[in-house]
C-alpha atoms as a PDB file:
ATOM      1  CA  MET A   1       4.711  -5.642   6.547  1.00  0.00           C
ATOM      2  CA  MET A   2       4.200  -8.255   9.207  1.00  0.00           C
ATOM      3  CA  ARG A   3       5.661 -11.805   9.695  1.00  0.00           C
ATOM      4  CA  SER A   4       3.741 -14.945   9.210  1.00  0.00           C
ATOM      5  CA  LYS A   5       3.749 -15.685  12.996  1.00  0.00           C
ATOM      6  CA  GLU A   6       1.988 -12.137  13.479  1.00  0.00           C
ATOM      7  CA  LEU A   7      -0.482 -12.800  10.616  1.00  0.00           C
ATOM      8  CA  ARG A   8      -1.511 -16.023  12.185  1.00  0.00           C
ATOM      9  CA  ALA A   9      -2.587 -14.240  15.278  1.00  0.00           C
ATOM     10  CA  LEU A  10      -4.955 -11.778  13.393  1.00  0.00           C
ATOM     11  CA  GLY A  11      -8.574 -12.737  12.786  1.00  0.00           C
ATOM     12  CA  LEU A  12     -10.085 -13.671   9.186  1.00  0.00           C
ATOM     13  CA  GLN A  13     -11.597 -10.176   8.724  1.00  0.00           C
ATOM     14  CA  GLU A  14      -8.502  -8.544   9.665  1.00  0.00           C
ATOM     15  CA  LEU A  15      -6.282 -10.604   7.102  1.00  0.00           C
ATOM     16  CA  GLN A  16      -8.616 -10.076   4.382  1.00  0.00           C
ATOM     17  CA  GLU A  17      -8.694  -6.075   5.199  1.00  0.00           C
ATOM     18  CA  LYS A  18      -4.958  -6.301   4.957  1.00  0.00           C
ATOM     19  CA  LEU A  19      -4.970  -8.631   1.691  1.00  0.00           C
ATOM     20  CA  ALA A  20      -7.063  -5.754   0.025  1.00  0.00           C
ATOM     21  CA  GLU A  21      -4.777  -3.032   1.040  1.00  0.00           C
ATOM     22  CA  ALA A  22      -1.613  -4.979   0.013  1.00  0.00           C
ATOM     23  CA  VAL A  23      -3.165  -5.783  -3.430  1.00  0.00           C
ATOM     24  CA  ARG A  24      -4.055  -2.304  -3.994  1.00  0.00           C
ATOM     25  CA  GLU A  25      -0.390  -1.118  -2.891  1.00  0.00           C
ATOM     26  CA  HIS A  26       1.168  -3.581  -5.228  1.00  0.00           C
ATOM     27  CA  TYR A  27      -0.813  -2.398  -8.166  1.00  0.00           C
ATOM     28  CA  GLU A  28       0.315   1.124  -7.352  1.00  0.00           C
ATOM     29  CA  LEU A  29       4.065  -0.127  -7.084  1.00  0.00           C
ATOM     30  CA  ARG A  30       3.475  -1.511 -10.507  1.00  0.00           C
ATOM     31  CA  VAL A  31       1.995   1.372 -12.070  1.00  0.00           C
ATOM     32  CA  ARG A  32       4.932   3.368 -10.680  1.00  0.00           C
ATOM     33  CA  ASN A  33       7.482   0.938 -11.810  1.00  0.00           C
ATOM     34  CA  THR A  34       5.857   1.296 -15.530  1.00  0.00           C
ATOM     35  CA  THR A  35       6.371   5.050 -15.408  1.00  0.00           C
ATOM     36  CA  LYS A  36       9.794   4.639 -14.357  1.00  0.00           C
ATOM     37  CA  GLU A  37       8.930   6.415 -11.133  1.00  0.00           C
ATOM     38  CA  LEU A  38       9.843   3.662  -8.957  1.00  0.00           C
ATOM     39  CA  GLU A  39      13.431   3.663  -7.987  1.00  0.00           C
ATOM     40  CA  ASN A  40      13.600   0.692  -5.551  1.00  0.00           C
ATOM     41  CA  THR A  41      12.032  -2.289  -7.789  1.00  0.00           C
ATOM     42  CA  SER A  42      12.703  -4.730  -5.054  1.00  0.00           C
ATOM     43  CA  LYS A  43       9.503  -3.474  -3.616  1.00  0.00           C
ATOM     44  CA  LEU A  44       7.547  -5.311  -6.017  1.00  0.00           C
ATOM     45  CA  ARG A  45       9.118  -8.643  -4.898  1.00  0.00           C
ATOM     46  CA  LEU A  46       8.649  -7.977  -1.241  1.00  0.00           C
ATOM     47  CA  GLN A  47       4.952  -7.037  -1.831  1.00  0.00           C
ATOM     48  CA  ARG A  48       4.201 -10.075  -3.840  1.00  0.00           C
ATOM     49  CA  ARG A  49       5.734 -12.405  -0.926  1.00  0.00           C
ATOM     50  CA  TYR A  50       3.772 -10.375   1.531  1.00  0.00           C
ATOM     51  CA  ILE A  51       0.301 -10.769  -0.531  1.00  0.00           C
ATOM     52  CA  ALA A  52       1.454 -14.790  -0.505  1.00  0.00           C
ATOM     53  CA  ARG A  53       2.027 -14.735   3.141  1.00  0.00           C
ATOM     54  CA  LEU A  54      -1.531 -12.981   3.626  1.00  0.00           C
ATOM     55  CA  LYS A  55      -3.164 -15.573   1.403  1.00  0.00           C
ATOM     56  CA  GLN A  56      -1.300 -18.437   2.998  1.00  0.00           C
ATOM     57  CA  ALA A  57      -2.615 -17.073   6.392  1.00  0.00           C
ATOM     58  CA  ILE A  58      -6.138 -16.843   5.385  1.00  0.00           C
ATOM     59  CA  ASP A  59      -6.219 -20.333   3.743  1.00  0.00           C
ATOM     60  CA  GLU A  60      -5.153 -21.735   7.294  1.00  0.00           C
ATOM     61  CA  LYS A  61      -7.593 -19.809   8.992  1.00  0.00           C
ATOM     62  CA  ARG A  62     -10.468 -21.403   6.823  1.00  0.00           C
ATOM     63  CA  ALA A  63      -9.080 -24.852   7.025  1.00  0.00           C
ATOM     64  CA  ALA A  64      -8.982 -24.597  10.737  1.00  0.00           C
ATOM     65  CA  ALA A  65     -12.622 -23.263  10.919  1.00  0.00           C
ATOM     66  CA  PRO A  66     -15.106 -26.249  11.778  1.00  0.00           C
ATOM     67  CA  ALA A  67     -16.754 -27.472   8.716  1.00  0.00           C
ATOM     68  CA  LYS A  68     -20.519 -26.521   8.544  1.00  0.00           C
END
């Protein structure tokens, strides 16, 4: 997982790819938690916050882009 500062340095396409990957991993963590295979449940919280960081960085990139 990357910090917000590092995420802001990435391009919009890279951020969207990372978001898709993070959402997929969050789903897998939720499934593993439901089946009681996930030992460290704090990973769910961390992943959810990482997704929020990614979404915020994407929104900032879109807002900074010149309006067409």
